[in-house]
Amino acid sequence: MFKFAVRIIPDAVLESLSKAGLGPENIDLLIPHQANLRILEAARKRLALPESKVFVNIEKYGNFSGATCPVALAEAVEQGLVREGSVVVLVTFGAGLTWAACTMRW
């Protein structure tokens, strides 16, 4: 699962950005599925994003399945990390070797 996630997260992010006519340099905040800190770090490095552009709250909750992205988004908004006009990318993956990404301008 680790190898799959480390490969699929950047691929999904880049595909989502491309469909929106954007690139990684346009990301204001990446909100990944909070499955495992090692996976998040490896994917962040593959995307060449600074730590400040990747929201991580896994230390608070651990991996609680499909709710990690919406909870992380809500916390990022509350913390003022997402503002009007921000480009936010949500990306997730699952045990069934499924994945999804969404690029949005807040």
PDB file of N, CA and C in Angstrom:
ATOM      1  N   MET A   1       0.826  -1.191   0.000  1.00  0.00           N
ATOM      2  CA  MET A   1       0.000   0.000   0.000  1.00  0.00           C
ATOM      3  C   MET A   1       0.872   1.258   0.000  1.00  0.00           C
ATOM      4  N   PHE A   2       1.988   1.227   0.747  1.00  0.00           N
ATOM      5  CA  PHE A   2       2.870   2.388   0.823  1.00  0.00           C
ATOM      6  C   PHE A   2       3.339   2.807  -0.575  1.00  0.00           C
ATOM      7  N   LYS A   3       3.887   1.852  -1.332  1.00  0.00           N
ATOM      8  CA  LYS A   3       4.402   2.176  -2.673  1.00  0.00           C
ATOM      9  C   LYS A   3       3.294   2.696  -3.578  1.00  0.00           C
ATOM     10  N   PHE A   4       2.124   2.058  -3.497  1.00  0.00           N
ATOM     11  CA  PHE A   4       0.981   2.498  -4.296  1.00  0.00           C
ATOM     12  C   PHE A   4       0.620   3.941  -3.964  1.00  0.00           C
ATOM     13  N   ALA A   5       0.483   4.250  -2.682  1.00  0.00           N
ATOM     14  CA  ALA A   5       0.060   5.591  -2.262  1.00  0.00           C
ATOM     15  C   ALA A   5       1.085   6.648  -2.630  1.00  0.00           C
ATOM     16  N   VAL A   6       2.362   6.343  -2.443  1.00  0.00           N
ATOM     17  CA  VAL A   6       3.416   7.312  -2.745  1.00  0.00           C
ATOM     18  C   VAL A   6       3.453   7.615  -4.246  1.00  0.00           C
ATOM     19  N   ARG A   7       3.083   6.650  -5.066  1.00  0.00           N
ATOM     20  CA  ARG A   7       3.037   6.871  -6.512  1.00  0.00           C
ATOM     21  C   ARG A   7       1.747   7.557  -6.925  1.00  0.00           C
ATOM     22  N   ILE A   8       0.611   7.098  -6.381  1.00  0.00           N
ATOM     23  CA  ILE A   8      -0.682   7.564  -6.877  1.00  0.00           C
ATOM     24  C   ILE A   8      -1.027   8.975  -6.394  1.00  0.00           C
ATOM     25  N   ILE A   9      -0.604   9.347  -5.204  1.00  0.00           N
ATOM     26  CA  ILE A   9      -0.924  10.704  -4.713  1.00  0.00           C
ATOM     27  C   ILE A   9      -0.371  11.769  -5.664  1.00  0.00           C
ATOM     28  N   PRO A  10       0.929  11.767  -5.967  1.00  0.00           N
ATOM     29  CA  PRO A  10       1.419  12.793  -6.899  1.00  0.00           C
ATOM     30  C   PRO A  10       0.778  12.691  -8.278  1.00  0.00           C
ATOM     31  N   ASP A  11       0.593  11.462  -8.785  1.00  0.00           N
ATOM     32  CA  ASP A  11      -0.026  11.308 -10.102  1.00  0.00           C
ATOM     33  C   ASP A  11      -1.430  11.904 -10.124  1.00  0.00           C
ATOM     34  N   ALA A  12      -2.222  11.617  -9.099  1.00  0.00           N
ATOM     35  CA  ALA A  12      -3.596  12.130  -9.037  1.00  0.00           C
ATOM     36  C   ALA A  12      -3.612  13.644  -8.895  1.00  0.00           C
ATOM     37  N   VAL A  13      -2.719  14.178  -8.067  1.00  0.00           N
ATOM     38  CA  VAL A  13      -2.636  15.634  -7.891  1.00  0.00           C
ATOM     39  C   VAL A  13      -2.288  16.300  -9.218  1.00  0.00           C
ATOM     40  N   LEU A  14      -1.283  15.782  -9.903  1.00  0.00           N
ATOM     41  CA  LEU A  14      -0.860  16.388 -11.172  1.00  0.00           C
ATOM     42  C   LEU A  14      -1.943  16.290 -12.237  1.00  0.00           C
ATOM     43  N   GLU A  15      -2.661  15.175 -12.285  1.00  0.00           N
ATOM     44  CA  GLU A  15      -3.745  15.042 -13.258  1.00  0.00           C
ATOM     45  C   GLU A  15      -4.879  16.019 -12.954  1.00  0.00           C
ATOM     46  N   SER A  16      -5.227  16.152 -11.695  1.00  0.00           N
ATOM     47  CA  SER A  16      -6.288  17.076 -11.307  1.00  0.00           C
ATOM     48  C   SER A  16      -5.899  18.519 -11.633  1.00  0.00           C
ATOM     49  N   LEU A  17      -4.667  18.864 -11.299  1.00  0.00           N
ATOM     50  CA  LEU A  17      -4.182  20.221 -11.607  1.00  0.00           C
ATOM     51  C   LEU A  17      -4.198  20.474 -13.116  1.00  0.00           C
ATOM     52  N   SER A  18      -3.733  19.506 -13.877  1.00  0.00           N
ATOM     53  CA  SER A  18      -3.685  19.653 -15.330  1.00  0.00           C
ATOM     54  C   SER A  18      -5.077  19.890 -15.911  1.00  0.00           C
ATOM     55  N   LYS A  19      -6.061  19.149 -15.418  1.00  0.00           N
ATOM     56  CA  LYS A  19      -7.430  19.323 -15.908  1.00  0.00           C
ATOM     57  C   LYS A  19      -7.983  20.700 -15.560  1.00  0.00           C
ATOM     58  N   ALA A  20      -7.415  21.326 -14.518  1.00  0.00           N
ATOM     59  CA  ALA A  20      -7.835  22.674 -14.126  1.00  0.00           C
ATOM     60  C   ALA A  20      -6.963  23.743 -14.789  1.00  0.00           C
ATOM     61  N   GLY A  21      -6.019  23.314 -15.627  1.00  0.00           N
ATOM     62  CA  GLY A  21      -5.139  24.256 -16.309  1.00  0.00           C
ATOM     63  C   GLY A  21      -4.082  24.855 -15.376  1.00  0.00           C
ATOM     64  N   LEU A  22      -3.719  24.106 -14.343  1.00  0.00           N
ATOM     65  CA  LEU A  22      -2.763  24.588 -13.338  1.00  0.00           C
ATOM     66  C   LEU A  22      -1.617  23.597 -13.184  1.00  0.00           C
ATOM     67  N   GLY A  23      -0.594  24.033 -12.459  1.00  0.00           N
ATOM     68  CA  GLY A  23       0.538  23.168 -12.149  1.00  0.00           C
ATOM     69  C   GLY A  23       0.809  23.188 -10.662  1.00  0.00           C
ATOM     70  N   PRO A  24       1.755  22.390 -10.204  1.00  0.00           N
ATOM     71  CA  PRO A  24       2.056  22.309  -8.770  1.00  0.00           C
ATOM     72  C   PRO A  24       2.429  23.653  -8.149  1.00  0.00           C
ATOM     73  N   GLU A  25       3.006  24.519  -8.936  1.00  0.00           N
ATOM     74  CA  GLU A  25       3.392  25.845  -8.430  1.00  0.00           C
ATOM     75  C   GLU A  25       2.183  26.694  -8.052  1.00  0.00           C
ATOM     76  N   ASN A  26       0.997  26.308  -8.535  1.00  0.00           N
ATOM     77  CA  ASN A  26      -0.223  27.058  -8.234  1.00  0.00           C
ATOM     78  C   ASN A  26      -0.905  26.612  -6.944  1.00  0.00           C
ATOM     79  N   ILE A  27      -0.451  25.514  -6.354  1.00  0.00           N
ATOM     80  CA  ILE A  27      -1.082  24.997  -5.143  1.00  0.00           C
ATOM     81  C   ILE A  27      -0.812  25.931  -3.966  1.00  0.00           C
ATOM     82  N   ASP A  28      -1.881  26.380  -3.339  1.00  0.00           N
ATOM     83  CA  ASP A  28      -1.747  27.116  -2.078  1.00  0.00           C
ATOM     84  C   ASP A  28      -1.765  26.151  -0.900  1.00  0.00           C
ATOM     85  N   LEU A  29      -2.571  25.077  -1.014  1.00  0.00           N
ATOM     86  CA  LEU A  29      -2.614  24.094   0.055  1.00  0.00           C
ATOM     87  C   LEU A  29      -3.043  22.745  -0.507  1.00  0.00           C
ATOM     88  N   LEU A  30      -2.260  21.720  -0.188  1.00  0.00           N
ATOM     89  CA  LEU A  30      -2.596  20.343  -0.516  1.00  0.00           C
ATOM     90  C   LEU A  30      -3.135  19.686   0.746  1.00  0.00           C
ATOM     91  N   ILE A  31      -4.292  19.085   0.619  1.00  0.00           N
ATOM     92  CA  ILE A  31      -4.910  18.390   1.752  1.00  0.00           C
ATOM     93  C   ILE A  31      -5.044  16.917   1.367  1.00  0.00           C
ATOM     94  N   PRO A  32      -4.065  16.113   1.793  1.00  0.00           N
ATOM     95  CA  PRO A  32      -4.108  14.688   1.457  1.00  0.00           C
ATOM     96  C   PRO A  32      -4.840  13.870   2.511  1.00  0.00           C
ATOM     97  N   HIS A  33      -5.262  12.685   2.108  1.00  0.00           N
ATOM     98  CA  HIS A  33      -5.811  11.706   3.042  1.00  0.00           C
ATOM     99  C   HIS A  33      -4.748  11.450   4.113  1.00  0.00           C
ATOM    100  N   GLN A  34      -5.140  11.523   5.359  1.00  0.00           N
ATOM    101  CA  GLN A  34      -4.204  11.421   6.485  1.00  0.00           C
ATOM    102  C   GLN A  34      -4.027   9.956   6.889  1.00  0.00           C
ATOM    103  N   ALA A  35      -3.398   9.174   6.029  1.00  0.00           N
ATOM    104  CA  ALA A  35      -3.260   7.740   6.273  1.00  0.00           C
ATOM    105  C   ALA A  35      -2.021   7.395   7.078  1.00  0.00           C
ATOM    106  N   ASN A  36      -0.917   8.050   6.742  1.00  0.00           N
ATOM    107  CA  ASN A  36       0.363   7.662   7.295  1.00  0.00           C
ATOM    108  C   ASN A  36       1.342   8.806   7.037  1.00  0.00           C
ATOM    109  N   LEU A  37       2.046   9.261   8.044  1.00  0.00           N
ATOM    110  CA  LEU A  37       2.955  10.401   7.894  1.00  0.00           C
ATOM    111  C   LEU A  37       4.070  10.113   6.897  1.00  0.00           C
ATOM    112  N   ARG A  38       4.564   8.887   6.867  1.00  0.00           N
ATOM    113  CA  ARG A  38       5.628   8.542   5.909  1.00  0.00           C
ATOM    114  C   ARG A  38       5.122   8.663   4.472  1.00  0.00           C
ATOM    115  N   ILE A  39       3.892   8.260   4.240  1.00  0.00           N
ATOM    116  CA  ILE A  39       3.313   8.389   2.903  1.00  0.00           C
ATOM    117  C   ILE A  39       3.178   9.860   2.536  1.00  0.00           C
ATOM    118  N   LEU A  40       2.679  10.675   3.459  1.00  0.00           N
ATOM    119  CA  LEU A  40       2.485  12.098   3.185  1.00  0.00           C
ATOM    120  C   LEU A  40       3.810  12.783   2.874  1.00  0.00           C
ATOM    121  N   GLU A  41       4.834  12.462   3.636  1.00  0.00           N
ATOM    122  CA  GLU A  41       6.162  13.058   3.417  1.00  0.00           C
ATOM    123  C   GLU A  41       6.742  12.650   2.070  1.00  0.00           C
ATOM    124  N   ALA A  42       6.660  11.375   1.744  1.00  0.00           N
ATOM    125  CA  ALA A  42       7.202  10.891   0.477  1.00  0.00           C
ATOM    126  C   ALA A  42       6.463  11.518  -0.707  1.00  0.00           C
ATOM    127  N   ALA A  43       5.148  11.606  -0.626  1.00  0.00           N
ATOM    128  CA  ALA A  43       4.359  12.214  -1.703  1.00  0.00           C
ATOM    129  C   ALA A  43       4.675  13.703  -1.818  1.00  0.00           C
ATOM    130  N   ARG A  44       4.807  14.383  -0.688  1.00  0.00           N
ATOM    131  CA  ARG A  44       5.150  15.817  -0.702  1.00  0.00           C
ATOM    132  C   ARG A  44       6.474  16.031  -1.414  1.00  0.00           C
ATOM    133  N   LYS A  45       7.448  15.198  -1.102  1.00  0.00           N
ATOM    134  CA  LYS A  45       8.770  15.328  -1.734  1.00  0.00           C
ATOM    135  C   LYS A  45       8.695  15.055  -3.229  1.00  0.00           C
ATOM    136  N   ARG A  46       7.897  14.078  -3.638  1.00  0.00           N
ATOM    137  CA  ARG A  46       7.760  13.790  -5.073  1.00  0.00           C
ATOM    138  C   ARG A  46       7.125  14.959  -5.819  1.00  0.00           C
ATOM    139  N   LEU A  47       6.274  15.706  -5.139  1.00  0.00           N
ATOM    140  CA  LEU A  47       5.646  16.888  -5.744  1.00  0.00           C
ATOM    141  C   LEU A  47       6.498  18.135  -5.581  1.00  0.00           C
ATOM    142  N   ALA A  48       7.593  18.023  -4.845  1.00  0.00           N
ATOM    143  CA  ALA A  48       8.502  19.153  -4.582  1.00  0.00           C
ATOM    144  C   ALA A  48       7.776  20.327  -3.925  1.00  0.00           C
ATOM    145  N   LEU A  49       6.889  20.009  -2.988  1.00  0.00           N
ATOM    146  CA  LEU A  49       6.153  21.045  -2.257  1.00  0.00           C
ATOM    147  C   LEU A  49       6.807  21.282  -0.897  1.00  0.00           C
ATOM    148  N   PRO A  50       6.860  22.528  -0.453  1.00  0.00           N
ATOM    149  CA  PRO A  50       7.355  22.784   0.901  1.00  0.00           C
ATOM    150  C   PRO A  50       6.346  22.283   1.937  1.00  0.00           C
ATOM    151  N   GLU A  51       6.823  21.971   3.119  1.00  0.00           N
ATOM    152  CA  GLU A  51       5.941  21.486   4.189  1.00  0.00           C
ATOM    153  C   GLU A  51       4.781  22.435   4.444  1.00  0.00           C
ATOM    154  N   SER A  52       5.021  23.725   4.290  1.00  0.00           N
ATOM    155  CA  SER A  52       3.993  24.728   4.577  1.00  0.00           C
ATOM    156  C   SER A  52       2.792  24.641   3.641  1.00  0.00           C
ATOM    157  N   LYS A  53       2.917  23.927   2.517  1.00  0.00           N
ATOM    158  CA  LYS A  53       1.815  23.819   1.564  1.00  0.00           C
ATOM    159  C   LYS A  53       1.063  22.492   1.661  1.00  0.00           C
ATOM    160  N   VAL A  54       1.406  21.684   2.662  1.00  0.00           N
ATOM    161  CA  VAL A  54       0.727  20.403   2.846  1.00  0.00           C
ATOM    162  C   VAL A  54       0.134  20.379   4.249  1.00  0.00           C
ATOM    163  N   PHE A  55      -1.183  20.248   4.321  1.00  0.00           N
ATOM    164  CA  PHE A  55      -1.850  20.237   5.625  1.00  0.00           C
ATOM    165  C   PHE A  55      -1.774  18.841   6.224  1.00  0.00           C
ATOM    166  N   VAL A  56      -1.291  18.768   7.454  1.00  0.00           N
ATOM    167  CA  VAL A  56      -1.164  17.494   8.156  1.00  0.00           C
ATOM    168  C   VAL A  56      -1.764  17.643   9.546  1.00  0.00           C
ATOM    169  N   ASN A  57      -2.699  16.757   9.859  1.00  0.00           N
ATOM    170  CA  ASN A  57      -3.251  16.726  11.213  1.00  0.00           C
ATOM    171  C   ASN A  57      -3.327  15.289  11.745  1.00  0.00           C
ATOM    172  N   ILE A  58      -2.598  14.390  11.113  1.00  0.00           N
ATOM    173  CA  ILE A  58      -2.642  12.971  11.485  1.00  0.00           C
ATOM    174  C   ILE A  58      -2.253  12.742  12.941  1.00  0.00           C
ATOM    175  N   GLU A  59      -1.415  13.621  13.478  1.00  0.00           N
ATOM    176  CA  GLU A  59      -0.975  13.477  14.869  1.00  0.00           C
ATOM    177  C   GLU A  59      -2.131  13.689  15.849  1.00  0.00           C
ATOM    178  N   LYS A  60      -3.192  14.370  15.414  1.00  0.00           N
ATOM    179  CA  LYS A  60      -4.343  14.615  16.290  1.00  0.00           C
ATOM    180  C   LYS A  60      -5.331  13.463  16.297  1.00  0.00           C
ATOM    181  N   TYR A  61      -5.526  12.836  15.143  1.00  0.00           N
ATOM    182  CA  TYR A  61      -6.612  11.872  15.006  1.00  0.00           C
ATOM    183  C   TYR A  61      -6.177  10.490  14.534  1.00  0.00           C
ATOM    184  N   GLY A  62      -5.052  10.406  13.860  1.00  0.00           N
ATOM    185  CA  GLY A  62      -4.698   9.160  13.192  1.00  0.00           C
ATOM    186  C   GLY A  62      -5.475   9.060  11.885  1.00  0.00           C
ATOM    187  N   ASN A  63      -5.540   7.883  11.342  1.00  0.00           N
ATOM    188  CA  ASN A  63      -6.257   7.649  10.091  1.00  0.00           C
ATOM    189  C   ASN A  63      -7.688   7.233  10.408  1.00  0.00           C
ATOM    190  N   PHE A  64      -8.644   8.118  10.154  1.00  0.00           N
ATOM    191  CA  PHE A  64     -10.037   7.743  10.380  1.00  0.00           C
ATOM    192  C   PHE A  64     -10.813   7.732   9.079  1.00  0.00           C
ATOM    193  N   SER A  65     -10.211   7.091   8.098  1.00  0.00           N
ATOM    194  CA  SER A  65     -10.825   6.720   6.845  1.00  0.00           C
ATOM    195  C   SER A  65     -11.260   7.925   6.007  1.00  0.00           C
ATOM    196  N   GLY A  66     -12.439   7.835   5.408  1.00  0.00           N
ATOM    197  CA  GLY A  66     -12.899   8.831   4.457  1.00  0.00           C
ATOM    198  C   GLY A  66     -13.137  10.217   5.015  1.00  0.00           C
ATOM    199  N   ALA A  67     -13.118  10.373   6.318  1.00  0.00           N
ATOM    200  CA  ALA A  67     -13.372  11.688   6.916  1.00  0.00           C
ATOM    201  C   ALA A  67     -12.120  12.546   7.040  1.00  0.00           C
ATOM    202  N   THR A  68     -10.942  11.993   6.743  1.00  0.00           N
ATOM    203  CA  THR A  68      -9.724  12.774   6.988  1.00  0.00           C
ATOM    204  C   THR A  68      -9.655  14.039   6.134  1.00  0.00           C
ATOM    205  N   CYS A  69     -10.016  13.956   4.866  1.00  0.00           N
ATOM    206  CA  CYS A  69      -9.932  15.151   4.007  1.00  0.00           C
ATOM    207  C   CYS A  69     -10.933  16.237   4.404  1.00  0.00           C
ATOM    208  N   PRO A  70     -12.216  15.930   4.611  1.00  0.00           N
ATOM    209  CA  PRO A  70     -13.132  17.001   4.996  1.00  0.00           C
ATOM    210  C   PRO A  70     -12.797  17.619   6.351  1.00  0.00           C
ATOM    211  N   VAL A  71     -12.361  16.806   7.301  1.00  0.00           N
ATOM    212  CA  VAL A  71     -11.987  17.356   8.607  1.00  0.00           C
ATOM    213  C   VAL A  71     -10.747  18.238   8.461  1.00  0.00           C
ATOM    214  N   ALA A  72      -9.762  17.777   7.690  1.00  0.00           N
ATOM    215  CA  ALA A  72      -8.554  18.577   7.476  1.00  0.00           C
ATOM    216  C   ALA A  72      -8.892  19.887   6.759  1.00  0.00           C
ATOM    217  N   LEU A  73      -9.787  19.844   5.778  1.00  0.00           N
ATOM    218  CA  LEU A  73     -10.197  21.072   5.089  1.00  0.00           C
ATOM    219  C   LEU A  73     -10.856  22.038   6.059  1.00  0.00           C
ATOM    220  N   ALA A  74     -11.758  21.542   6.885  1.00  0.00           N
ATOM    221  CA  ALA A  74     -12.424  22.402   7.869  1.00  0.00           C
ATOM    222  C   ALA A  74     -11.408  23.034   8.817  1.00  0.00           C
ATOM    223  N   GLU A  75     -10.437  22.255   9.275  1.00  0.00           N
ATOM    224  CA  GLU A  75      -9.418  22.802  10.172  1.00  0.00           C
ATOM    225  C   GLU A  75      -8.541  23.829   9.464  1.00  0.00           C
ATOM    226  N   ALA A  76      -8.198  23.567   8.207  1.00  0.00           N
ATOM    227  CA  ALA A  76      -7.377  24.518   7.451  1.00  0.00           C
ATOM    228  C   ALA A  76      -8.110  25.845   7.278  1.00  0.00           C
ATOM    229  N   VAL A  77      -9.402  25.777   7.005  1.00  0.00           N
ATOM    230  CA  VAL A  77     -10.213  27.001   6.877  1.00  0.00           C
ATOM    231  C   VAL A  77     -10.239  27.741   8.214  1.00  0.00           C
ATOM    232  N   GLU A  78     -10.509  27.010   9.310  1.00  0.00           N
ATOM    233  CA  GLU A  78     -10.547  27.627  10.643  1.00  0.00           C
ATOM    234  C   GLU A  78      -9.223  28.290  11.008  1.00  0.00           C
ATOM    235  N   GLN A  79      -8.123  27.711  10.555  1.00  0.00           N
ATOM    236  CA  GLN A  79      -6.799  28.247  10.867  1.00  0.00           C
ATOM    237  C   GLN A  79      -6.377  29.375   9.917  1.00  0.00           C
ATOM    238  N   GLY A  80      -7.234  29.709   8.967  1.00  0.00           N
ATOM    239  CA  GLY A  80      -6.925  30.794   8.043  1.00  0.00           C
ATOM    240  C   GLY A  80      -5.952  30.415   6.943  1.00  0.00           C
ATOM    241  N   LEU A  81      -5.747  29.116   6.730  1.00  0.00           N
ATOM    242  CA  LEU A  81      -4.824  28.661   5.690  1.00  0.00           C
ATOM    243  C   LEU A  81      -5.478  28.625   4.315  1.00  0.00           C
ATOM    244  N   VAL A  82      -6.800  28.649   4.297  1.00  0.00           N
ATOM    245  CA  VAL A  82      -7.568  28.677   3.055  1.00  0.00           C
ATOM    246  C   VAL A  82      -8.373  29.959   3.060  1.00  0.00           C
ATOM    247  N   ARG A  83      -8.122  30.770   2.051  1.00  0.00           N
ATOM    248  CA  ARG A  83      -8.825  32.050   1.939  1.00  0.00           C
ATOM    249  C   ARG A  83      -9.477  32.144   0.560  1.00  0.00           C
ATOM    250  N   GLU A  84     -10.290  33.144   0.380  1.00  0.00           N
ATOM    251  CA  GLU A  84     -10.912  33.355  -0.926  1.00  0.00           C
ATOM    252  C   GLU A  84      -9.825  33.424  -2.000  1.00  0.00           C
ATOM    253  N   GLY A  85     -10.001  32.627  -3.041  1.00  0.00           N
ATOM    254  CA  GLY A  85      -9.054  32.598  -4.153  1.00  0.00           C
ATOM    255  C   GLY A  85      -7.963  31.544  -4.016  1.00  0.00           C
ATOM    256  N   SER A  86      -7.851  30.903  -2.853  1.00  0.00           N
ATOM    257  CA  SER A  86      -6.820  29.872  -2.661  1.00  0.00           C
ATOM    258  C   SER A  86      -7.076  28.685  -3.583  1.00  0.00           C
ATOM    259  N   VAL A  87      -5.985  28.142  -4.125  1.00  0.00           N
ATOM    260  CA  VAL A  87      -6.065  26.893  -4.880  1.00  0.00           C
ATOM    261  C   VAL A  87      -5.773  25.765  -3.895  1.00  0.00           C
ATOM    262  N   VAL A  88      -6.782  24.918  -3.708  1.00  0.00           N
ATOM    263  CA  VAL A  88      -6.700  23.816  -2.747  1.00  0.00           C
ATOM    264  C   VAL A  88      -6.874  22.512  -3.520  1.00  0.00           C
ATOM    265  N   VAL A  89      -6.014  21.549  -3.210  1.00  0.00           N
ATOM    266  CA  VAL A  89      -6.127  20.237  -3.828  1.00  0.00           C
ATOM    267  C   VAL A  89      -6.372  19.210  -2.724  1.00  0.00           C
ATOM    268  N   LEU A  90      -7.455  18.461  -2.868  1.00  0.00           N
ATOM    269  CA  LEU A  90      -7.751  17.336  -1.985  1.00  0.00           C
ATOM    270  C   LEU A  90      -7.372  16.069  -2.736  1.00  0.00           C
ATOM    271  N   VAL A  91      -6.714  15.144  -2.038  1.00  0.00           N
ATOM    272  CA  VAL A  91      -6.346  13.875  -2.675  1.00  0.00           C
ATOM    273  C   VAL A  91      -6.495  12.755  -1.658  1.00  0.00           C
ATOM    274  N   THR A  92      -7.038  11.635  -2.121  1.00  0.00           N
ATOM    275  CA  THR A  92      -7.269  10.515  -1.224  1.00  0.00           C
ATOM    276  C   THR A  92      -7.037   9.203  -1.958  1.00  0.00           C
ATOM    277  N   PHE A  93      -6.860   8.150  -1.186  1.00  0.00           N
ATOM    278  CA  PHE A  93      -6.694   6.814  -1.746  1.00  0.00           C
ATOM    279  C   PHE A  93      -7.269   5.827  -0.750  1.00  0.00           C
ATOM    280  N   GLY A  94      -7.583   4.621  -1.237  1.00  0.00           N
ATOM    281  CA  GLY A  94      -8.191   3.640  -0.355  1.00  0.00           C
ATOM    282  C   GLY A  94      -7.626   2.251  -0.539  1.00  0.00           C
ATOM    283  N   ALA A  95      -7.996   1.394   0.374  1.00  0.00           N
ATOM    284  CA  ALA A  95      -7.476   0.028   0.406  1.00  0.00           C
ATOM    285  C   ALA A  95      -7.879  -0.777  -0.822  1.00  0.00           C
ATOM    286  N   GLY A  96      -8.939  -0.404  -1.471  1.00  0.00           N
ATOM    287  CA  GLY A  96      -9.345  -1.096  -2.692  1.00  0.00           C
ATOM    288  C   GLY A  96      -8.557  -0.635  -3.902  1.00  0.00           C
ATOM    289  N   LEU A  97      -7.436   0.024  -3.648  1.00  0.00           N
ATOM    290  CA  LEU A  97      -6.594   0.612  -4.691  1.00  0.00           C
ATOM    291  C   LEU A  97      -7.399   1.598  -5.534  1.00  0.00           C
ATOM    292  N   THR A  98      -8.176   2.405  -4.828  1.00  0.00           N
ATOM    293  CA  THR A  98      -8.943   3.485  -5.438  1.00  0.00           C
ATOM    294  C   THR A  98      -8.301   4.799  -5.047  1.00  0.00           C
ATOM    295  N   TRP A  99      -8.559   5.840  -5.819  1.00  0.00           N
ATOM    296  CA  TRP A  99      -8.015   7.148  -5.506  1.00  0.00           C
ATOM    297  C   TRP A  99      -8.850   8.214  -6.191  1.00  0.00           C
ATOM    298  N   ALA A 100      -8.696   9.436  -5.700  1.00  0.00           N
ATOM    299  CA  ALA A 100      -9.398  10.575  -6.279  1.00  0.00           C
ATOM    300  C   ALA A 100      -8.692  11.854  -5.875  1.00  0.00           C
ATOM    301  N   ALA A 101      -8.809  12.868  -6.695  1.00  0.00           N
ATOM    302  CA  ALA A 101      -8.255  14.185  -6.375  1.00  0.00           C
ATOM    303  C   ALA A 101      -9.207  15.240  -6.906  1.00  0.00           C
ATOM    304  N   CYS A 102      -9.199  16.369  -6.236  1.00  0.00           N
ATOM    305  CA  CYS A 102     -10.066  17.481  -6.618  1.00  0.00           C
ATOM    306  C   CYS A 102      -9.282  18.772  -6.465  1.00  0.00           C
ATOM    307  N   THR A 103      -9.255  19.566  -7.499  1.00  0.00           N
ATOM    308  CA  THR A 103      -8.623  20.890  -7.446  1.00  0.00           C
ATOM    309  C   THR A 103      -9.730  21.922  -7.436  1.00  0.00           C
ATOM    310  N   MET A 104      -9.646  22.844  -6.481  1.00  0.00           N
ATOM    311  CA  MET A 104     -10.673  23.884  -6.408  1.00  0.00           C
ATOM    312  C   MET A 104     -10.071  25.241  -6.059  1.00  0.00           C
ATOM    313  N   ARG A 105     -10.710  26.263  -6.550  1.00  0.00           N
ATOM    314  CA  ARG A 105     -10.368  27.625  -6.140  1.00  0.00           C
ATOM    315  C   ARG A 105     -11.414  28.013  -5.123  1.00  0.00           C
ATOM    316  N   TRP A 106     -10.971  28.306  -3.906  1.00  0.00           N
ATOM    317  CA  TRP A 106     -11.863  28.561  -2.780  1.00  0.00           C
ATOM    318  C   TRP A 106     -12.606  29.869  -2.954  1.00  0.00           C
TER     319      TRP A 106
END
